N, C-alpha and C. Protein backbone atom coordinates (compact mmCIF):
# COMPACT_ATOMS: atom_id res chain seq x y z
N UNK A 1 123.25 115.08 101.29
CA UNK A 1 122.19 115.64 102.13
C UNK A 1 122.11 117.14 101.86
N UNK A 2 120.94 117.67 102.01
CA UNK A 2 120.74 119.08 101.73
C UNK A 2 120.71 119.93 103.00
N UNK A 3 121.17 119.41 104.11
CA UNK A 3 121.18 120.15 105.36
C UNK A 3 119.91 119.98 106.17
N UNK A 4 118.90 119.35 105.57
CA UNK A 4 117.63 119.14 106.27
C UNK A 4 117.36 117.66 106.47
N UNK A 5 118.34 116.82 106.15
CA UNK A 5 118.17 115.39 106.36
C UNK A 5 117.64 114.64 105.15
N UNK A 6 117.49 115.31 104.00
CA UNK A 6 116.95 114.66 102.81
C UNK A 6 118.01 114.62 101.73
N UNK A 7 118.09 113.50 101.05
CA UNK A 7 119.02 113.37 99.94
C UNK A 7 118.31 113.83 98.66
N UNK A 8 118.90 114.77 97.91
CA UNK A 8 118.24 115.28 96.70
C UNK A 8 117.93 114.19 95.68
N UNK A 9 118.75 113.13 95.62
CA UNK A 9 118.51 112.08 94.63
C UNK A 9 117.25 111.27 94.93
N UNK A 10 116.63 111.45 96.10
CA UNK A 10 115.38 110.77 96.40
C UNK A 10 114.20 111.39 95.67
N UNK A 11 114.40 112.56 95.08
CA UNK A 11 113.36 113.17 94.27
C UNK A 11 112.26 113.86 95.05
N UNK A 12 112.53 114.32 96.25
CA UNK A 12 111.53 115.04 97.02
C UNK A 12 111.58 116.50 96.59
N UNK A 13 110.45 117.00 96.12
CA UNK A 13 110.37 118.36 95.60
C UNK A 13 110.46 119.39 96.73
N UNK A 14 110.76 120.63 96.37
CA UNK A 14 110.75 121.70 97.39
C UNK A 14 109.38 121.81 98.08
N UNK A 15 108.29 121.60 97.31
CA UNK A 15 106.96 121.65 97.92
C UNK A 15 106.77 120.51 98.92
N UNK A 16 107.31 119.34 98.56
CA UNK A 16 107.23 118.20 99.47
C UNK A 16 107.97 118.45 100.76
N UNK A 17 109.15 119.05 100.65
CA UNK A 17 109.92 119.38 101.84
C UNK A 17 109.19 120.39 102.71
N UNK A 18 108.55 121.36 102.07
CA UNK A 18 107.79 122.36 102.83
C UNK A 18 106.63 121.70 103.57
N UNK A 19 105.90 120.81 102.88
CA UNK A 19 104.78 120.11 103.53
C UNK A 19 105.26 119.25 104.69
N UNK A 20 106.41 118.57 104.50
CA UNK A 20 106.92 117.71 105.56
C UNK A 20 107.23 118.50 106.83
N UNK A 21 107.68 119.72 106.67
CA UNK A 21 107.94 120.55 107.84
C UNK A 21 106.70 120.76 108.68
N UNK A 22 105.56 120.97 108.02
CA UNK A 22 104.30 121.15 108.75
C UNK A 22 103.79 119.83 109.30
N UNK A 23 103.89 118.79 108.52
CA UNK A 23 103.38 117.49 108.95
C UNK A 23 104.15 117.00 110.17
N UNK A 24 105.45 117.17 110.18
CA UNK A 24 106.26 116.72 111.33
C UNK A 24 105.92 117.48 112.61
N UNK A 25 105.33 118.66 112.49
CA UNK A 25 104.96 119.44 113.68
C UNK A 25 103.67 118.93 114.31
N UNK A 26 102.93 118.07 113.61
CA UNK A 26 101.67 117.55 114.13
C UNK A 26 101.91 116.41 115.11
N UNK A 27 100.96 116.17 116.00
CA UNK A 27 101.07 115.01 116.90
C UNK A 27 101.09 113.70 116.09
N UNK A 28 101.71 112.68 116.65
CA UNK A 28 101.89 111.41 115.97
C UNK A 28 100.57 110.81 115.46
N UNK A 29 99.53 110.80 116.29
CA UNK A 29 98.27 110.20 115.87
C UNK A 29 97.63 110.98 114.72
N UNK A 30 97.80 112.28 114.69
CA UNK A 30 97.27 113.10 113.59
C UNK A 30 98.07 112.84 112.32
N UNK A 31 99.40 112.70 112.45
CA UNK A 31 100.24 112.38 111.29
C UNK A 31 99.81 111.05 110.69
N UNK A 32 99.57 110.04 111.53
CA UNK A 32 99.17 108.72 111.06
C UNK A 32 97.84 108.80 110.32
N UNK A 33 96.87 109.52 110.89
CA UNK A 33 95.56 109.67 110.27
C UNK A 33 95.67 110.39 108.93
N UNK A 34 96.48 111.43 108.89
CA UNK A 34 96.69 112.19 107.66
C UNK A 34 97.37 111.32 106.60
N UNK A 35 98.38 110.55 106.99
CA UNK A 35 99.09 109.68 106.05
C UNK A 35 98.14 108.62 105.47
N UNK A 36 97.28 108.06 106.29
CA UNK A 36 96.32 107.06 105.81
C UNK A 36 95.33 107.67 104.83
N UNK A 37 94.86 108.88 105.12
CA UNK A 37 93.92 109.55 104.23
C UNK A 37 94.58 109.88 102.89
N UNK A 38 95.80 110.36 102.93
CA UNK A 38 96.52 110.68 101.70
C UNK A 38 96.80 109.42 100.90
N UNK A 39 97.20 108.34 101.56
CA UNK A 39 97.47 107.07 100.87
C UNK A 39 96.21 106.56 100.19
N UNK A 40 95.08 106.64 100.85
CA UNK A 40 93.83 106.18 100.26
C UNK A 40 93.48 106.99 99.03
N UNK A 41 93.59 108.29 99.12
CA UNK A 41 93.30 109.17 97.99
C UNK A 41 94.24 108.89 96.82
N UNK A 42 95.53 108.80 97.09
CA UNK A 42 96.51 108.58 96.03
C UNK A 42 96.31 107.23 95.35
N UNK A 43 96.08 106.19 96.12
CA UNK A 43 95.87 104.86 95.52
C UNK A 43 94.60 104.83 94.67
N UNK A 44 93.57 105.51 95.14
CA UNK A 44 92.32 105.57 94.38
C UNK A 44 92.54 106.27 93.04
N UNK A 45 93.41 107.27 93.02
CA UNK A 45 93.70 108.03 91.80
C UNK A 45 94.81 107.40 90.96
N UNK A 46 95.44 106.33 91.48
CA UNK A 46 96.46 105.63 90.71
C UNK A 46 97.88 106.14 90.89
N UNK A 47 98.12 106.96 91.90
CA UNK A 47 99.46 107.48 92.14
C UNK A 47 100.26 106.51 93.00
N UNK A 48 101.57 106.49 92.79
CA UNK A 48 102.48 105.67 93.58
C UNK A 48 103.20 106.54 94.59
N UNK A 49 103.65 105.94 95.66
CA UNK A 49 104.47 106.67 96.63
C UNK A 49 105.92 106.27 96.45
N UNK A 50 106.81 106.93 97.16
CA UNK A 50 108.23 106.57 97.10
C UNK A 50 108.48 105.20 97.71
N UNK A 51 107.51 104.67 98.44
CA UNK A 51 107.66 103.38 99.11
C UNK A 51 107.03 102.22 98.36
N UNK A 52 106.24 102.52 97.32
CA UNK A 52 105.58 101.46 96.56
C UNK A 52 106.58 100.71 95.69
N UNK A 53 106.34 99.43 95.54
CA UNK A 53 107.15 98.62 94.65
C UNK A 53 106.52 98.69 93.27
N UNK A 54 107.23 99.28 92.32
CA UNK A 54 106.70 99.46 90.97
C UNK A 54 106.42 98.11 90.32
N UNK A 55 107.17 97.08 90.65
CA UNK A 55 106.95 95.75 90.08
C UNK A 55 105.55 95.23 90.39
N UNK A 56 105.00 95.61 91.54
CA UNK A 56 103.65 95.18 91.90
C UNK A 56 102.61 95.79 90.97
N UNK A 57 102.91 96.93 90.37
CA UNK A 57 101.97 97.63 89.51
C UNK A 57 102.11 97.28 88.03
N UNK A 58 103.16 96.54 87.67
CA UNK A 58 103.40 96.19 86.28
C UNK A 58 102.53 94.99 85.90
N UNK A 59 102.03 94.96 84.66
CA UNK A 59 101.22 93.81 84.24
C UNK A 59 102.07 92.56 84.18
N UNK A 60 101.45 91.43 84.45
CA UNK A 60 102.15 90.15 84.39
C UNK A 60 102.43 89.79 82.93
N UNK A 61 103.54 89.10 82.67
CA UNK A 61 103.81 88.69 81.29
C UNK A 61 102.78 87.68 80.82
N UNK A 62 102.61 87.63 79.52
CA UNK A 62 101.68 86.66 78.94
C UNK A 62 102.17 85.26 79.25
N UNK A 63 101.28 84.27 79.37
CA UNK A 63 101.70 82.90 79.70
C UNK A 63 102.79 82.35 78.79
N UNK A 64 102.74 82.65 77.49
CA UNK A 64 103.76 82.14 76.56
C UNK A 64 105.13 82.73 76.89
N UNK A 65 105.16 84.00 77.26
CA UNK A 65 106.43 84.65 77.61
C UNK A 65 106.98 84.10 78.92
N UNK A 66 106.09 83.74 79.81
CA UNK A 66 106.48 83.27 81.13
C UNK A 66 107.20 81.91 81.07
N UNK A 67 106.75 81.05 80.16
CA UNK A 67 107.30 79.70 80.10
C UNK A 67 108.48 79.58 79.14
N UNK A 68 108.67 80.56 78.26
CA UNK A 68 109.77 80.48 77.30
C UNK A 68 111.08 80.78 78.02
N UNK A 69 111.98 79.81 78.02
CA UNK A 69 113.26 79.99 78.67
C UNK A 69 114.33 80.30 77.63
N UNK A 70 115.29 81.07 78.03
CA UNK A 70 116.40 81.39 77.13
C UNK A 70 117.30 80.17 76.98
N UNK A 71 117.89 80.03 75.80
CA UNK A 71 118.84 78.95 75.57
C UNK A 71 120.22 79.51 75.90
N UNK A 72 120.87 78.91 76.87
CA UNK A 72 122.18 79.38 77.30
C UNK A 72 123.17 78.23 77.30
N UNK A 73 124.42 78.57 77.21
CA UNK A 73 125.49 77.57 77.31
C UNK A 73 126.07 77.70 78.71
N UNK A 74 125.95 76.66 79.52
CA UNK A 74 126.49 76.75 80.89
C UNK A 74 128.01 76.84 80.85
N UNK A 75 128.56 77.72 81.65
CA UNK A 75 130.01 77.89 81.71
C UNK A 75 130.66 76.91 82.69
N UNK A 76 129.92 76.54 83.70
CA UNK A 76 130.45 75.66 84.72
C UNK A 76 129.46 74.55 85.02
N UNK A 77 129.99 73.42 85.38
CA UNK A 77 129.12 72.37 85.89
C UNK A 77 128.88 72.64 87.36
N UNK A 78 127.85 72.10 87.90
CA UNK A 78 127.54 72.33 89.31
C UNK A 78 128.70 71.97 90.24
N UNK A 79 129.43 70.93 89.91
CA UNK A 79 130.51 70.51 90.80
C UNK A 79 131.71 71.45 90.72
N UNK A 80 131.81 72.28 89.70
CA UNK A 80 132.93 73.19 89.55
C UNK A 80 132.71 74.54 90.25
N UNK A 81 131.48 74.83 90.62
CA UNK A 81 131.22 76.12 91.26
C UNK A 81 131.91 76.17 92.60
N UNK A 82 132.36 77.36 92.94
CA UNK A 82 133.13 77.40 94.08
C UNK A 82 132.84 77.99 95.30
C-alpha cells in the first residue's frame, strides 16, 4: 500500500490517484452519474477499465481451432483419482 489505500501493482497512475481524491469528495449520486458518463465514453472509444474482463474483448477462436482437441496420455484412470 502507498499510504493512501492503493496498491501500486494495480497500476493506478499518479493522475488517477489525484482525480480519485476529487471524485471521492463528491456526493454519492454525483459520483455514480460521473462514473456512468465516463464508462460510456470509454467504451465508445474502445478503452477498458481495471474491472473489465479482457477475455470478453478477445476474438473467439476459429471453429476448427475450437473443436481440435489435444492428444494426451492420461496418467490416472477415473477410479484412481483421489
